[in-house]
Amino acid sequence: MSLSSALIIRGIARGVHVAGSLSVFGTVAARAILIPRSPGGCRSECDRRAVASLARLLRVSLVIAVTAGGVWLVAESTYITGSHQIRAGIAVLASVLRDTNFGHLLIARVALLALSAVIFGDGRQHGRVAIATGLAAIATVLQAGLGHGAAMGGPEGSALAVALALHVVAAGLWLGGLVPLLIIVATTPLGDAYLVARRFSRLGAICVATLTATAGLQGYLLIGSPGALVGTDYGRVAFAKLALFVVLLGIAAHNCFRLTPGLIGPSGERSRARLRRNIIGEALVGVCVIILAGVLLELPPGMDMGGVMR
């Protein structure tokens, strides 16, 4: 089987939608976790600038999530009709939204993300930020209802659904929090930037452990055999995702152990500039990983395709 252009479009649209959704979650979570506990020396102007930038990022992320979600909806609706004509997909949009689990969850997730952004507002009221973070977290968890586990059912399906829910929450906190981290590091004094980067590194370590464990479980259940890893499209895309994940780990480790300590050294500004560049690179690689995950979720699992290679 080769990857069709229609499948690639669905996968990319799904991946971009998820990336925007995770950015919404990561942005409100970063506001809740990182800025309130910044030391008092930057309690006024720097905090206000960072929060204002996070509010703008949140709105942009929501637009990306909604726009890509619309493209994904049209692509999936076209696929459901069995036609290659976009007009056929547009004609059944209402029924797909009304009558399918995909439509119900997409509506619920987009509504929760939009409500989260509205409640977040300008990001200055901690109570509203906490509520917005909870709503965005629920929207993120609902993504598991559109994974392979939800379609499988049974104990294995339930395990996969739970694993995917934990996986996307961890991805949102880490990968979705990278641009917010970049904003905070760029707009705060070096001492504050160091403490925030260290706090994010500790959170990132928990997220990496969660991602590794849940990805291992998903790979074990969905790929099915070593032969399927290289002999199916699902396995090859999963391998590419794994390779980029290793790159992410390398960048994150360099940021944590080399660049972050340099923020409080004699060459602090130079370390800040390098850290900002690395965070940008990490975020770009993270987007690629999320898009590959979107393609994976559109492919039949390797265990379904790799039986002859066992």
C-alpha atoms as a PDB file:
ATOM      1  CA  MET A   1       0.000   0.000   0.000  1.00  0.00           C
ATOM      2  CA  SER A   2       1.251   3.471  -0.819  1.00  0.00           C
ATOM      3  CA  LEU A   3       0.208   6.694   0.797  1.00  0.00           C
ATOM      4  CA  SER A   4      -2.472   8.369  -1.315  1.00  0.00           C
ATOM      5  CA  SER A   5      -2.642  12.121  -1.711  1.00  0.00           C
ATOM      6  CA  ALA A   6      -6.094  12.132  -0.074  1.00  0.00           C
ATOM      7  CA  LEU A   7      -4.756  10.291   2.973  1.00  0.00           C
ATOM      8  CA  ILE A   8      -1.786  12.652   3.230  1.00  0.00           C
ATOM      9  CA  ILE A   9      -4.116  15.671   3.070  1.00  0.00           C
ATOM     10  CA  ARG A  10      -6.331  14.216   5.791  1.00  0.00           C
ATOM     11  CA  GLY A  11      -3.298  13.405   7.928  1.00  0.00           C
ATOM     12  CA  ILE A  12      -1.712  16.831   7.527  1.00  0.00           C
ATOM     13  CA  ALA A  13      -5.011  18.624   8.215  1.00  0.00           C
ATOM     14  CA  ARG A  14      -5.523  16.464  11.283  1.00  0.00           C
ATOM     15  CA  GLY A  15      -1.948  17.062  12.443  1.00  0.00           C
ATOM     16  CA  VAL A  16      -2.163  20.845  12.006  1.00  0.00           C
ATOM     17  CA  HIS A  17      -5.499  20.876  13.832  1.00  0.00           C
ATOM     18  CA  VAL A  18      -3.977  18.914  16.714  1.00  0.00           C
ATOM     19  CA  ALA A  19      -0.907  21.167  16.712  1.00  0.00           C
ATOM     20  CA  GLY A  20      -3.127  24.241  17.022  1.00  0.00           C
ATOM     21  CA  SER A  21      -5.158  22.550  19.757  1.00  0.00           C
ATOM     22  CA  LEU A  22      -2.053  21.585  21.706  1.00  0.00           C
ATOM     23  CA  SER A  23      -0.764  25.131  21.342  1.00  0.00           C
ATOM     24  CA  VAL A  24      -3.999  26.428  22.903  1.00  0.00           C
ATOM     25  CA  PHE A  25      -3.595  24.008  25.811  1.00  0.00           C
ATOM     26  CA  GLY A  26       0.131  24.619  26.147  1.00  0.00           C
ATOM     27  CA  THR A  27      -0.340  28.387  26.136  1.00  0.00           C
ATOM     28  CA  VAL A  28      -2.968  28.540  28.878  1.00  0.00           C
ATOM     29  CA  ALA A  29      -1.082  25.916  30.895  1.00  0.00           C
ATOM     30  CA  ALA A  30       2.159  27.899  30.594  1.00  0.00           C
ATOM     31  CA  ARG A  31       0.359  30.988  31.855  1.00  0.00           C
ATOM     32  CA  ALA A  32      -0.953  28.994  34.810  1.00  0.00           C
ATOM     33  CA  ILE A  33       2.280  27.179  35.647  1.00  0.00           C
ATOM     34  CA  LEU A  34       5.172  29.420  34.693  1.00  0.00           C
ATOM     35  CA  ILE A  35       4.335  33.101  35.084  1.00  0.00           C
ATOM     36  CA  PRO A  36       2.515  33.189  38.451  1.00  0.00           C
ATOM     37  CA  ARG A  37       5.519  31.654  40.173  1.00  0.00           C
ATOM     38  CA  SER A  38       8.104  33.911  38.589  1.00  0.00           C
ATOM     39  CA  PRO A  39      10.185  35.732  41.196  1.00  0.00           C
ATOM     40  CA  GLY A  40       9.053  39.143  42.353  1.00  0.00           C
ATOM     41  CA  GLY A  41      11.638  41.193  40.466  1.00  0.00           C
ATOM     42  CA  CYS A  42       9.615  40.931  37.268  1.00  0.00           C
ATOM     43  CA  ARG A  43       6.134  41.145  38.705  1.00  0.00           C
ATOM     44  CA  SER A  44       4.997  44.182  36.728  1.00  0.00           C
ATOM     45  CA  GLU A  45       5.997  45.290  33.241  1.00  0.00           C
ATOM     46  CA  CYS A  46       7.746  42.106  32.096  1.00  0.00           C
ATOM     47  CA  ASP A  47       4.883  39.922  33.273  1.00  0.00           C
ATOM     48  CA  ARG A  48       2.342  42.155  31.535  1.00  0.00           C
ATOM     49  CA  ARG A  49       4.263  41.992  28.270  1.00  0.00           C
ATOM     50  CA  ALA A  50       4.588  38.221  28.464  1.00  0.00           C
ATOM     51  CA  VAL A  51       0.909  37.708  29.325  1.00  0.00           C
ATOM     52  CA  ALA A  52      -0.201  40.004  26.499  1.00  0.00           C
ATOM     53  CA  SER A  53       1.946  38.024  24.068  1.00  0.00           C
ATOM     54  CA  LEU A  54       0.495  34.747  25.372  1.00  0.00           C
ATOM     55  CA  ALA A  55      -3.032  36.071  24.846  1.00  0.00           C
ATOM     56  CA  ARG A  56      -2.175  36.895  21.223  1.00  0.00           C
ATOM     57  CA  LEU A  57      -0.577  33.481  20.739  1.00  0.00           C
ATOM     58  CA  LEU A  58      -3.702  31.840  22.151  1.00  0.00           C
ATOM     59  CA  ARG A  59      -5.914  33.589  19.608  1.00  0.00           C
ATOM     60  CA  VAL A  60      -3.619  32.655  16.718  1.00  0.00           C
ATOM     61  CA  SER A  61      -3.485  29.032  17.897  1.00  0.00           C
ATOM     62  CA  LEU A  62      -7.279  28.888  18.092  1.00  0.00           C
ATOM     63  CA  VAL A  63      -7.616  30.225  14.533  1.00  0.00           C
ATOM     64  CA  ILE A  64      -5.156  27.582  13.309  1.00  0.00           C
ATOM     65  CA  ALA A  65      -7.004  24.812  15.158  1.00  0.00           C
ATOM     66  CA  VAL A  66     -10.407  25.870  13.832  1.00  0.00           C
ATOM     67  CA  THR A  67      -9.236  26.447  10.250  1.00  0.00           C
ATOM     68  CA  ALA A  68      -7.342  23.150  10.041  1.00  0.00           C
ATOM     69  CA  GLY A  69     -10.272  21.425  11.732  1.00  0.00           C
ATOM     70  CA  GLY A  70     -12.533  22.696   8.969  1.00  0.00           C
ATOM     71  CA  VAL A  71     -10.195  21.382   6.285  1.00  0.00           C
ATOM     72  CA  TRP A  72      -9.977  18.055   8.120  1.00  0.00           C
ATOM     73  CA  LEU A  73     -13.770  17.891   8.340  1.00  0.00           C
ATOM     74  CA  VAL A  74     -14.156  18.412   4.593  1.00  0.00           C
ATOM     75  CA  ALA A  75     -11.414  15.867   3.831  1.00  0.00           C
ATOM     76  CA  GLU A  76     -12.926  13.244   6.141  1.00  0.00           C
ATOM     77  CA  SER A  77     -16.419  13.875   4.798  1.00  0.00           C
ATOM     78  CA  THR A  78     -15.140  13.430   1.254  1.00  0.00           C
ATOM     79  CA  TYR A  79     -13.453  10.179   2.298  1.00  0.00           C
ATOM     80  CA  ILE A  80     -16.662   8.936   3.933  1.00  0.00           C
ATOM     81  CA  THR A  81     -18.576   9.433   0.672  1.00  0.00           C
ATOM     82  CA  GLY A  82     -16.047   7.291  -1.194  1.00  0.00           C
ATOM     83  CA  SER A  83     -15.649  10.084  -3.718  1.00  0.00           C
ATOM     84  CA  HIS A  84     -12.617  12.160  -4.667  1.00  0.00           C
ATOM     85  CA  GLN A  85     -14.822  15.204  -5.261  1.00  0.00           C
ATOM     86  CA  ILE A  86     -14.693  17.885  -2.573  1.00  0.00           C
ATOM     87  CA  ARG A  87     -18.232  18.902  -3.503  1.00  0.00           C
ATOM     88  CA  ALA A  88     -19.440  15.476  -2.403  1.00  0.00           C
ATOM     89  CA  GLY A  89     -17.804  15.949   0.986  1.00  0.00           C
ATOM     90  CA  ILE A  90     -19.246  19.440   1.423  1.00  0.00           C
ATOM     91  CA  ALA A  91     -22.700  18.098   0.623  1.00  0.00           C
ATOM     92  CA  VAL A  92     -22.624  15.711   3.609  1.00  0.00           C
ATOM     93  CA  LEU A  93     -20.948  18.015   6.152  1.00  0.00           C
ATOM     94  CA  ALA A  94     -24.121  18.510   8.159  1.00  0.00           C
ATOM     95  CA  SER A  95     -24.834  14.789   8.423  1.00  0.00           C
ATOM     96  CA  VAL A  96     -21.234  14.024   9.366  1.00  0.00           C
ATOM     97  CA  LEU A  97     -21.357  16.594  12.165  1.00  0.00           C
ATOM     98  CA  ARG A  98     -24.788  15.409  13.292  1.00  0.00           C
ATOM     99  CA  ASP A  99     -24.536  11.632  12.956  1.00  0.00           C
ATOM    100  CA  THR A 100     -20.913  10.560  13.513  1.00  0.00           C
ATOM    101  CA  ASN A 101     -18.661  10.232  16.542  1.00  0.00           C
ATOM    102  CA  PHE A 102     -16.033  12.148  14.577  1.00  0.00           C
ATOM    103  CA  GLY A 103     -18.426  15.071  14.091  1.00  0.00           C
ATOM    104  CA  HIS A 104     -19.585  15.099  17.703  1.00  0.00           C
ATOM    105  CA  LEU A 105     -16.043  15.091  19.094  1.00  0.00           C
ATOM    106  CA  LEU A 106     -14.815  17.698  16.633  1.00  0.00           C
ATOM    107  CA  ILE A 107     -17.652  20.048  17.606  1.00  0.00           C
ATOM    108  CA  ALA A 108     -17.051  19.428  21.309  1.00  0.00           C
ATOM    109  CA  ARG A 109     -13.304  19.990  21.052  1.00  0.00           C
ATOM    110  CA  VAL A 110     -13.564  23.174  19.001  1.00  0.00           C
ATOM    111  CA  ALA A 111     -16.247  24.530  21.327  1.00  0.00           C
ATOM    112  CA  LEU A 112     -14.138  23.804  24.409  1.00  0.00           C
ATOM    113  CA  LEU A 113     -11.056  25.402  22.849  1.00  0.00           C
ATOM    114  CA  ALA A 114     -13.026  28.507  21.879  1.00  0.00           C
ATOM    115  CA  LEU A 115     -14.598  28.729  25.336  1.00  0.00           C
ATOM    116  CA  SER A 116     -11.151  28.346  26.887  1.00  0.00           C
ATOM    117  CA  ALA A 117      -9.857  31.272  24.839  1.00  0.00           C
ATOM    118  CA  VAL A 118     -12.862  33.429  25.741  1.00  0.00           C
ATOM    119  CA  ILE A 119     -12.546  32.715  29.466  1.00  0.00           C
ATOM    120  CA  PHE A 120      -8.767  33.252  29.355  1.00  0.00           C
ATOM    121  CA  GLY A 121      -9.394  36.789  28.095  1.00  0.00           C
ATOM    122  CA  ASP A 122      -6.345  38.957  28.629  1.00  0.00           C
ATOM    123  CA  GLY A 123      -4.813  36.322  30.906  1.00  0.00           C
ATOM    124  CA  ARG A 124      -4.505  38.553  33.975  1.00  0.00           C
ATOM    125  CA  GLN A 125      -7.042  36.868  36.259  1.00  0.00           C
ATOM    126  CA  HIS A 126      -5.666  33.661  37.755  1.00  0.00           C
ATOM    127  CA  GLY A 127      -9.098  32.133  38.401  1.00  0.00           C
ATOM    128  CA  ARG A 128     -10.110  32.513  34.768  1.00  0.00           C
ATOM    129  CA  VAL A 129      -6.750  31.147  33.643  1.00  0.00           C
ATOM    130  CA  ALA A 130      -7.283  28.034  35.792  1.00  0.00           C
ATOM    131  CA  ILE A 131     -10.741  27.435  34.294  1.00  0.00           C
ATOM    132  CA  ALA A 132      -9.405  27.999  30.777  1.00  0.00           C
ATOM    133  CA  THR A 133      -6.622  25.496  31.417  1.00  0.00           C
ATOM    134  CA  GLY A 134      -9.113  22.876  32.601  1.00  0.00           C
ATOM    135  CA  LEU A 135     -11.325  23.335  29.531  1.00  0.00           C
ATOM    136  CA  ALA A 136      -8.359  23.121  27.164  1.00  0.00           C
ATOM    137  CA  ALA A 137      -7.177  19.970  28.954  1.00  0.00           C
ATOM    138  CA  ILE A 138     -10.595  18.341  28.450  1.00  0.00           C
ATOM    139  CA  ALA A 139     -10.518  19.269  24.751  1.00  0.00           C
ATOM    140  CA  THR A 140      -7.066  17.698  24.509  1.00  0.00           C
ATOM    141  CA  VAL A 141      -8.136  14.476  26.222  1.00  0.00           C
ATOM    142  CA  LEU A 142     -11.144  14.153  23.882  1.00  0.00           C
ATOM    143  CA  GLN A 143      -8.668  13.681  21.039  1.00  0.00           C
ATOM    144  CA  ALA A 144      -8.286  10.111  22.315  1.00  0.00           C
ATOM    145  CA  GLY A 145     -11.856   9.451  21.170  1.00  0.00           C
ATOM    146  CA  LEU A 146     -10.664   9.793  17.571  1.00  0.00           C
ATOM    147  CA  GLY A 147      -7.775   7.325  17.861  1.00  0.00           C
ATOM    148  CA  HIS A 148      -7.382   3.662  16.959  1.00  0.00           C
ATOM    149  CA  GLY A 149      -8.192   2.549  20.505  1.00  0.00           C
ATOM    150  CA  ALA A 150     -11.691   4.039  20.381  1.00  0.00           C
ATOM    151  CA  ALA A 151     -12.338   2.168  17.130  1.00  0.00           C
ATOM    152  CA  MET A 152     -11.010  -1.151  18.463  1.00  0.00           C
ATOM    153  CA  GLY A 153     -12.972  -1.458  21.696  1.00  0.00           C
ATOM    154  CA  GLY A 154     -12.281  -4.145  24.296  1.00  0.00           C
ATOM    155  CA  PRO A 155      -9.454  -4.104  26.876  1.00  0.00           C
ATOM    156  CA  GLU A 156      -6.774  -3.319  24.301  1.00  0.00           C
ATOM    157  CA  GLY A 157      -8.847  -0.507  22.851  1.00  0.00           C
ATOM    158  CA  SER A 158      -9.424   0.955  26.315  1.00  0.00           C
ATOM    159  CA  ALA A 159      -5.709   0.747  27.096  1.00  0.00           C
ATOM    160  CA  LEU A 160      -4.888   2.496  23.826  1.00  0.00           C
ATOM    161  CA  ALA A 161      -7.462   5.228  24.461  1.00  0.00           C
ATOM    162  CA  VAL A 162      -6.046   5.932  27.929  1.00  0.00           C
ATOM    163  CA  ALA A 163      -2.499   5.870  26.554  1.00  0.00           C
ATOM    164  CA  LEU A 164      -3.423   8.308  23.774  1.00  0.00           C
ATOM    165  CA  ALA A 165      -5.146  10.640  26.254  1.00  0.00           C
ATOM    166  CA  LEU A 166      -2.014  10.752  28.434  1.00  0.00           C
ATOM    167  CA  HIS A 167       0.130  11.065  25.303  1.00  0.00           C
ATOM    168  CA  VAL A 168      -1.631  14.146  23.962  1.00  0.00           C
ATOM    169  CA  VAL A 169      -1.775  15.840  27.376  1.00  0.00           C
ATOM    170  CA  ALA A 170       1.990  15.357  27.783  1.00  0.00           C
ATOM    171  CA  ALA A 171       2.558  16.599  24.221  1.00  0.00           C
ATOM    172  CA  GLY A 172       0.442  19.670  24.925  1.00  0.00           C
ATOM    173  CA  LEU A 173       2.329  20.568  28.078  1.00  0.00           C
ATOM    174  CA  TRP A 174       5.742  20.075  26.455  1.00  0.00           C
ATOM    175  CA  LEU A 175       5.462  20.783  22.731  1.00  0.00           C
ATOM    176  CA  GLY A 176       2.483  23.100  23.097  1.00  0.00           C
ATOM    177  CA  GLY A 177       4.392  25.018  25.755  1.00  0.00           C
ATOM    178  CA  LEU A 178       7.519  25.686  23.690  1.00  0.00           C
ATOM    179  CA  VAL A 179       6.388  28.928  22.040  1.00  0.00           C
ATOM    180  CA  PRO A 180       5.052  30.266  25.367  1.00  0.00           C
ATOM    181  CA  LEU A 181       8.422  29.371  26.903  1.00  0.00           C
ATOM    182  CA  LEU A 182      10.163  31.251  24.101  1.00  0.00           C
ATOM    183  CA  ILE A 183       8.022  34.318  24.811  1.00  0.00           C
ATOM    184  CA  ILE A 184       8.715  34.246  28.548  1.00  0.00           C
ATOM    185  CA  VAL A 185      12.458  33.638  28.143  1.00  0.00           C
ATOM    186  CA  ALA A 186      12.682  36.494  25.657  1.00  0.00           C
ATOM    187  CA  THR A 187      10.785  39.047  27.756  1.00  0.00           C
ATOM    188  CA  THR A 188      12.026  38.478  31.309  1.00  0.00           C
ATOM    189  CA  PRO A 189      15.330  39.322  33.055  1.00  0.00           C
ATOM    190  CA  LEU A 190      17.977  36.613  32.901  1.00  0.00           C
ATOM    191  CA  GLY A 191      17.463  35.422  36.456  1.00  0.00           C
ATOM    192  CA  ASP A 192      13.733  34.991  35.923  1.00  0.00           C
ATOM    193  CA  ALA A 193      14.286  33.384  32.526  1.00  0.00           C
ATOM    194  CA  TYR A 194      16.636  30.858  34.149  1.00  0.00           C
ATOM    195  CA  LEU A 195      14.110  29.878  36.827  1.00  0.00           C
ATOM    196  CA  VAL A 196      11.279  29.575  34.299  1.00  0.00           C
ATOM    197  CA  ALA A 197      13.424  27.493  31.932  1.00  0.00           C
ATOM    198  CA  ARG A 198      14.428  25.199  34.795  1.00  0.00           C
ATOM    199  CA  ARG A 199      10.807  24.792  35.844  1.00  0.00           C
ATOM    200  CA  PHE A 200       9.836  23.988  32.254  1.00  0.00           C
ATOM    201  CA  SER A 201      12.675  21.465  32.020  1.00  0.00           C
ATOM    202  CA  ARG A 202      11.358  19.603  35.068  1.00  0.00           C
ATOM    203  CA  LEU A 203       7.867  19.562  33.560  1.00  0.00           C
ATOM    204  CA  GLY A 204       9.348  18.472  30.243  1.00  0.00           C
ATOM    205  CA  ALA A 205      11.118  15.529  31.877  1.00  0.00           C
ATOM    206  CA  ILE A 206       7.793  14.246  33.226  1.00  0.00           C
ATOM    207  CA  CYS A 207       6.199  14.744  29.815  1.00  0.00           C
ATOM    208  CA  VAL A 208       9.023  12.912  28.029  1.00  0.00           C
ATOM    209  CA  ALA A 209       8.691   9.941  30.380  1.00  0.00           C
ATOM    210  CA  THR A 210       4.928   9.875  29.769  1.00  0.00           C
ATOM    211  CA  LEU A 211       5.339  10.175  26.005  1.00  0.00           C
ATOM    212  CA  THR A 212       7.933   7.402  25.935  1.00  0.00           C
ATOM    213  CA  ALA A 213       5.806   5.004  27.974  1.00  0.00           C
ATOM    214  CA  THR A 214       2.575   5.658  26.101  1.00  0.00           C
ATOM    215  CA  ALA A 215       4.259   5.582  22.690  1.00  0.00           C
ATOM    216  CA  GLY A 216       5.852   2.251  23.611  1.00  0.00           C
ATOM    217  CA  LEU A 217       2.462   0.782  24.527  1.00  0.00           C
ATOM    218  CA  GLN A 218       0.837   2.120  21.355  1.00  0.00           C
ATOM    219  CA  GLY A 219       3.678   0.817  19.228  1.00  0.00           C
ATOM    220  CA  TYR A 220       3.520  -2.616  20.835  1.00  0.00           C
ATOM    221  CA  LEU A 221      -0.232  -2.943  20.303  1.00  0.00           C
ATOM    222  CA  LEU A 222      -0.576  -1.234  16.925  1.00  0.00           C
ATOM    223  CA  ILE A 223       2.565  -2.131  14.996  1.00  0.00           C
ATOM    224  CA  GLY A 224       2.340  -5.785  15.962  1.00  0.00           C
ATOM    225  CA  SER A 225       5.691  -7.142  14.775  1.00  0.00           C
ATOM    226  CA  PRO A 226       9.219  -6.017  13.837  1.00  0.00           C
ATOM    227  CA  GLY A 227       8.433  -6.784  10.202  1.00  0.00           C
ATOM    228  CA  ALA A 228       5.485  -4.405  10.260  1.00  0.00           C
ATOM    229  CA  LEU A 229       7.774  -1.600  11.442  1.00  0.00           C
ATOM    230  CA  VAL A 230       9.547  -1.535   8.076  1.00  0.00           C
ATOM    231  CA  GLY A 231       7.064  -3.397   5.905  1.00  0.00           C
ATOM    232  CA  THR A 232       3.976  -1.209   6.308  1.00  0.00           C
ATOM    233  CA  ASP A 233       3.242   2.464   5.805  1.00  0.00           C
ATOM    234  CA  TYR A 234       2.107   2.677   9.419  1.00  0.00           C
ATOM    235  CA  GLY A 235       5.407   1.262  10.642  1.00  0.00           C
ATOM    236  CA  ARG A 236       7.508   3.501   8.419  1.00  0.00           C
ATOM    237  CA  VAL A 237       5.679   6.663   9.481  1.00  0.00           C
ATOM    238  CA  ALA A 238       5.946   5.551  13.124  1.00  0.00           C
ATOM    239  CA  PHE A 239       9.697   5.038  12.646  1.00  0.00           C
ATOM    240  CA  ALA A 240      10.054   8.533  11.135  1.00  0.00           C
ATOM    241  CA  LYS A 241       8.130   9.964  14.081  1.00  0.00           C
ATOM    242  CA  LEU A 242      10.426   8.095  16.482  1.00  0.00           C
ATOM    243  CA  ALA A 243      13.519   9.450  14.736  1.00  0.00           C
ATOM    244  CA  LEU A 244      12.265  13.029  15.067  1.00  0.00           C
ATOM    245  CA  PHE A 245      11.363  12.366  18.692  1.00  0.00           C
ATOM    246  CA  VAL A 246      14.992  11.410  19.332  1.00  0.00           C
ATOM    247  CA  VAL A 247      16.048  14.697  17.709  1.00  0.00           C
ATOM    248  CA  LEU A 248      13.649  16.508  20.037  1.00  0.00           C
ATOM    249  CA  LEU A 249      15.201  14.807  23.037  1.00  0.00           C
ATOM    250  CA  GLY A 250      18.663  15.868  21.925  1.00  0.00           C
ATOM    251  CA  ILE A 251      17.635  19.510  21.542  1.00  0.00           C
ATOM    252  CA  ALA A 252      15.787  19.498  24.865  1.00  0.00           C
ATOM    253  CA  ALA A 253      18.761  17.952  26.671  1.00  0.00           C
ATOM    254  CA  HIS A 254      21.122  20.550  25.204  1.00  0.00           C
ATOM    255  CA  ASN A 255      18.757  23.331  26.268  1.00  0.00           C
ATOM    256  CA  CYS A 256      18.451  21.927  29.786  1.00  0.00           C
ATOM    257  CA  PHE A 257      22.047  21.015  30.591  1.00  0.00           C
ATOM    258  CA  ARG A 258      24.080  23.487  28.515  1.00  0.00           C
ATOM    259  CA  LEU A 259      22.118  26.612  27.633  1.00  0.00           C
ATOM    260  CA  THR A 260      19.793  27.111  30.608  1.00  0.00           C
ATOM    261  CA  PRO A 261      22.644  27.173  33.193  1.00  0.00           C
ATOM    262  CA  GLY A 262      24.392  29.729  31.000  1.00  0.00           C
ATOM    263  CA  LEU A 263      21.573  32.214  31.563  1.00  0.00           C
ATOM    264  CA  ILE A 264      23.022  33.088  34.965  1.00  0.00           C
ATOM    265  CA  GLY A 265      26.651  33.040  33.813  1.00  0.00           C
ATOM    266  CA  PRO A 266      28.846  35.858  32.499  1.00  0.00           C
ATOM    267  CA  SER A 267      27.613  35.242  28.936  1.00  0.00           C
ATOM    268  CA  GLY A 268      23.956  35.191  29.884  1.00  0.00           C
ATOM    269  CA  GLU A 269      22.661  37.182  26.922  1.00  0.00           C
ATOM    270  CA  ARG A 270      24.569  34.975  24.493  1.00  0.00           C
ATOM    271  CA  SER A 271      23.079  31.887  26.142  1.00  0.00           C
ATOM    272  CA  ARG A 272      19.634  33.462  25.951  1.00  0.00           C
ATOM    273  CA  ALA A 273      20.012  34.076  22.218  1.00  0.00           C
ATOM    274  CA  ARG A 274      21.163  30.491  21.630  1.00  0.00           C
ATOM    275  CA  LEU A 275      18.381  29.135  23.821  1.00  0.00           C
ATOM    276  CA  ARG A 276      15.794  31.106  21.859  1.00  0.00           C
ATOM    277  CA  ARG A 277      17.113  29.694  18.576  1.00  0.00           C
ATOM    278  CA  ASN A 278      17.070  26.177  19.970  1.00  0.00           C
ATOM    279  CA  ILE A 279      13.523  26.530  21.276  1.00  0.00           C
ATOM    280  CA  ILE A 280      12.411  27.668  17.824  1.00  0.00           C
ATOM    281  CA  GLY A 281      14.092  24.624  16.275  1.00  0.00           C
ATOM    282  CA  GLU A 282      12.567  22.363  18.910  1.00  0.00           C
ATOM    283  CA  ALA A 283       9.116  23.780  18.212  1.00  0.00           C
ATOM    284  CA  LEU A 284       9.491  23.267  14.452  1.00  0.00           C
ATOM    285  CA  VAL A 285      10.566  19.659  14.907  1.00  0.00           C
ATOM    286  CA  GLY A 286       7.680  19.216  17.343  1.00  0.00           C
ATOM    287  CA  VAL A 287       5.196  20.405  14.711  1.00  0.00           C
ATOM    288  CA  CYS A 288       6.618  17.831  12.279  1.00  0.00           C
ATOM    289  CA  VAL A 289       6.186  15.111  14.919  1.00  0.00           C
ATOM    290  CA  ILE A 290       2.570  16.120  15.503  1.00  0.00           C
ATOM    291  CA  ILE A 291       1.816  16.146  11.768  1.00  0.00           C
ATOM    292  CA  LEU A 292       3.319  12.660  11.423  1.00  0.00           C
ATOM    293  CA  ALA A 293       1.116  11.592  14.320  1.00  0.00           C
ATOM    294  CA  GLY A 294      -1.874  12.926  12.389  1.00  0.00           C
ATOM    295  CA  VAL A 295      -0.897  10.841   9.365  1.00  0.00           C
ATOM    296  CA  LEU A 296      -0.441   7.781  11.626  1.00  0.00           C
ATOM    297  CA  LEU A 297      -3.948   8.146  12.986  1.00  0.00           C
ATOM    298  CA  GLU A 298      -5.326   8.090   9.428  1.00  0.00           C
ATOM    299  CA  LEU A 299      -3.462   4.874   8.545  1.00  0.00           C
ATOM    300  CA  PRO A 300      -4.574   1.325   9.349  1.00  0.00           C
ATOM    301  CA  PRO A 301      -2.428  -0.045  12.187  1.00  0.00           C
ATOM    302  CA  GLY A 302       0.627  -2.108  11.244  1.00  0.00           C
ATOM    303  CA  MET A 303      -0.814  -5.116  13.047  1.00  0.00           C
ATOM    304  CA  ASP A 304      -3.568  -5.202  10.403  1.00  0.00           C
ATOM    305  CA  MET A 305      -1.157  -5.020   7.505  1.00  0.00           C
ATOM    306  CA  GLY A 306       1.947  -6.857   8.629  1.00  0.00           C
ATOM    307  CA  GLY A 307       0.702 -10.378   9.279  1.00  0.00           C
ATOM    308  CA  VAL A 308       2.647 -11.914   6.416  1.00  0.00           C
ATOM    309  CA  MET A 309       5.901 -10.518   7.832  1.00  0.00           C
ATOM    310  CA  ARG A 310       5.727 -12.132  11.236  1.00  0.00           C
END
